[in-house]
C-alpha atoms as a PDB file:
ATOM      1  CA  MET A   1       0.000   0.000   0.000  1.00  0.00           C
ATOM      2  CA  ASP A   2       1.556   3.269  -1.147  1.00  0.00           C
ATOM      3  CA  ILE A   3       0.576   6.415   0.712  1.00  0.00           C
ATOM      4  CA  THR A   4       1.655   9.727  -0.714  1.00  0.00           C
ATOM      5  CA  LEU A   5       1.272  12.897   1.302  1.00  0.00           C
ATOM      6  CA  ASN A   6       2.224  16.376   0.205  1.00  0.00           C
ATOM      7  CA  PRO A   7       4.374  18.578   2.478  1.00  0.00           C
ATOM      8  CA  SER A   8       1.326  20.365   3.896  1.00  0.00           C
ATOM      9  CA  GLU A   9      -0.364  17.084   4.806  1.00  0.00           C
ATOM     10  CA  LEU A  10       2.854  15.811   6.365  1.00  0.00           C
ATOM     11  CA  GLU A  11       3.068  18.951   8.526  1.00  0.00           C
ATOM     12  CA  ILE A  12      -0.514  18.432   9.738  1.00  0.00           C
ATOM     13  CA  LEU A  13       0.265  14.808  10.561  1.00  0.00           C
ATOM     14  CA  ALA A  14       3.477  15.778  12.385  1.00  0.00           C
ATOM     15  CA  ASN A  15       1.572  18.365  14.449  1.00  0.00           C
ATOM     16  CA  ARG A  16      -0.947  15.735  15.468  1.00  0.00           C
ATOM     17  CA  PHE A  17       1.804  13.332  16.534  1.00  0.00           C
ATOM     18  CA  ARG A  18       3.544  16.100  18.494  1.00  0.00           C
ATOM     19  CA  ALA A  19       0.266  16.865  20.260  1.00  0.00           C
ATOM     20  CA  LEU A  20      -0.049  13.217  21.273  1.00  0.00           C
ATOM     21  CA  ALA A  21       3.609  12.600  22.116  1.00  0.00           C
ATOM     22  CA  GLU A  22       3.323  13.762  25.729  1.00  0.00           C
ATOM     23  CA  PRO A  23       1.558  11.524  28.288  1.00  0.00           C
ATOM     24  CA  THR A  24       0.232  14.609  30.101  1.00  0.00           C
ATOM     25  CA  ARG A  25      -1.562  15.741  26.933  1.00  0.00           C
ATOM     26  CA  LEU A  26      -3.046  12.273  26.513  1.00  0.00           C
ATOM     27  CA  GLN A  27      -4.268  12.427  30.109  1.00  0.00           C
ATOM     28  CA  ILE A  28      -5.922  15.794  29.416  1.00  0.00           C
ATOM     29  CA  LEU A  29      -7.365  14.471  26.169  1.00  0.00           C
ATOM     30  CA  MET A  30      -8.965  11.547  28.002  1.00  0.00           C
ATOM     31  CA  ALA A  31     -10.493  13.987  30.510  1.00  0.00           C
ATOM     32  CA  ILE A  32     -12.261  15.945  27.750  1.00  0.00           C
ATOM     33  CA  CYS A  33     -12.872  13.357  25.064  1.00  0.00           C
ATOM     34  CA  ASN A  34     -16.479  12.708  26.055  1.00  0.00           C
ATOM     35  CA  GLN A  35     -17.538  16.238  26.924  1.00  0.00           C
ATOM     36  CA  GLU A  36     -16.436  19.819  27.115  1.00  0.00           C
ATOM     37  CA  ARG A  37     -14.822  20.716  30.443  1.00  0.00           C
ATOM     38  CA  SER A  38     -13.467  23.786  32.187  1.00  0.00           C
ATOM     39  CA  VAL A  39      -9.764  24.056  32.931  1.00  0.00           C
ATOM     40  CA  GLN A  40     -10.560  23.682  36.635  1.00  0.00           C
ATOM     41  CA  ASP A  41     -12.568  20.519  35.976  1.00  0.00           C
ATOM     42  CA  ILE A  42      -9.666  19.117  33.928  1.00  0.00           C
ATOM     43  CA  CYS A  43      -7.303  19.894  36.814  1.00  0.00           C
ATOM     44  CA  ASP A  44      -9.642  18.182  39.283  1.00  0.00           C
ATOM     45  CA  ARG A  45      -9.928  15.090  37.088  1.00  0.00           C
ATOM     46  CA  THR A  46      -6.218  14.770  36.296  1.00  0.00           C
ATOM     47  CA  GLY A  47      -4.575  16.061  39.466  1.00  0.00           C
ATOM     48  CA  LEU A  48      -2.448  18.405  37.362  1.00  0.00           C
ATOM     49  CA  HIS A  49      -1.760  22.045  38.180  1.00  0.00           C
ATOM     50  CA  GLN A  50      -3.648  24.777  36.316  1.00  0.00           C
ATOM     51  CA  GLY A  51      -0.537  26.300  34.716  1.00  0.00           C
ATOM     52  CA  ASN A  52       0.567  22.926  33.382  1.00  0.00           C
ATOM     53  CA  VAL A  53      -2.899  22.094  32.038  1.00  0.00           C
ATOM     54  CA  SER A  54      -3.236  25.504  30.377  1.00  0.00           C
ATOM     55  CA  LYS A  55       0.164  25.130  28.681  1.00  0.00           C
ATOM     56  CA  HIS A  56      -0.741  21.731  27.235  1.00  0.00           C
ATOM     57  CA  LEU A  57      -4.221  22.854  26.189  1.00  0.00           C
ATOM     58  CA  ARG A  58      -2.677  25.801  24.327  1.00  0.00           C
ATOM     59  CA  LEU A  59      -0.352  23.428  22.445  1.00  0.00           C
ATOM     60  CA  MET A  60      -3.242  21.119  21.553  1.00  0.00           C
ATOM     61  CA  LYS A  61      -5.345  24.091  20.463  1.00  0.00           C
ATOM     62  CA  ASP A  62      -2.541  25.317  18.196  1.00  0.00           C
ATOM     63  CA  ALA A  63      -2.324  21.807  16.700  1.00  0.00           C
ATOM     64  CA  GLY A  64      -6.072  21.798  15.949  1.00  0.00           C
ATOM     65  CA  VAL A  65      -6.835  19.030  18.424  1.00  0.00           C
ATOM     66  CA  VAL A  66      -9.054  21.018  20.809  1.00  0.00           C
ATOM     67  CA  ALA A  67     -11.129  24.189  20.736  1.00  0.00           C
ATOM     68  CA  CYS A  68     -11.780  26.678  23.496  1.00  0.00           C
ATOM     69  CA  ARG A  69     -14.924  28.565  24.465  1.00  0.00           C
ATOM     70  CA  ARG A  70     -14.982  31.423  26.966  1.00  0.00           C
ATOM     71  CA  GLU A  71     -17.842  31.969  29.334  1.00  0.00           C
ATOM     72  CA  SER A  72     -17.269  34.858  31.721  1.00  0.00           C
ATOM     73  CA  VAL A  73     -13.908  34.114  33.364  1.00  0.00           C
ATOM     74  CA  TRP A  74     -14.043  30.383  32.571  1.00  0.00           C
ATOM     75  CA  ARG A  75     -12.539  28.587  29.579  1.00  0.00           C
ATOM     76  CA  PHE A  76     -14.076  25.361  28.359  1.00  0.00           C
ATOM     77  CA  TYR A  77     -12.221  22.925  26.105  1.00  0.00           C
ATOM     78  CA  ARG A  78     -13.476  20.182  23.844  1.00  0.00           C
ATOM     79  CA  VAL A  79     -11.870  17.786  21.352  1.00  0.00           C
ATOM     80  CA  ILE A  80     -12.464  18.846  17.746  1.00  0.00           C
ATOM     81  CA  ASP A  81     -10.177  16.388  15.941  1.00  0.00           C
ATOM     82  CA  THR A  82     -12.704  13.736  14.909  1.00  0.00           C
ATOM     83  CA  GLU A  83     -10.064  11.058  14.403  1.00  0.00           C
ATOM     84  CA  LEU A  84      -8.878  11.570  17.971  1.00  0.00           C
ATOM     85  CA  LEU A  85     -12.460  11.269  19.139  1.00  0.00           C
ATOM     86  CA  MET A  86     -12.430   7.777  17.633  1.00  0.00           C
ATOM     87  CA  LEU A  87      -9.292   7.080  19.685  1.00  0.00           C
ATOM     88  CA  CYS A  88     -11.122   8.284  22.786  1.00  0.00           C
ATOM     89  CA  SER A  89     -14.009   5.938  22.147  1.00  0.00           C
ATOM     90  CA  SER A  90     -11.671   2.968  21.807  1.00  0.00           C
ATOM     91  CA  SER A  91      -9.324   3.907  24.663  1.00  0.00           C
ATOM     92  CA  HIS A  92     -10.756   1.136  26.837  1.00  0.00           C
ATOM     93  CA  LYS A  93      -9.122  -1.345  24.439  1.00  0.00           C
ATOM     94  CA  PHE A  94      -5.697   0.023  25.360  1.00  0.00           C
ATOM     95  CA  ARG A  95      -6.391  -0.353  29.076  1.00  0.00           C
ATOM     96  CA  ASN A  96      -7.687  -3.899  28.662  1.00  0.00           C
ATOM     97  CA  ASN A  97      -4.706  -5.036  26.564  1.00  0.00           C
ATOM     98  CA  SER A  98      -2.009  -3.824  28.962  1.00  0.00           C
END
């Protein structure tokens, strides 16, 4: 099977892999894969500090993985990369195979 990607497509793919290359970002992704959550809710669910979560969310937003919505002083994040949503839905397979 030959797969040919142009330089622009390769850059998009590389950005996605960079966004997923850090276990902390995967942990955050799992916290928001089923529903939009505030930064504070993500912190509560992951045990991570707000500054760390915000840094990783910004990187994932820049990579097109998540989107942010502001409501008053709160920021809510959700996964917008549909292929990663499929990964979220099958994440239980990874846990059961380890």
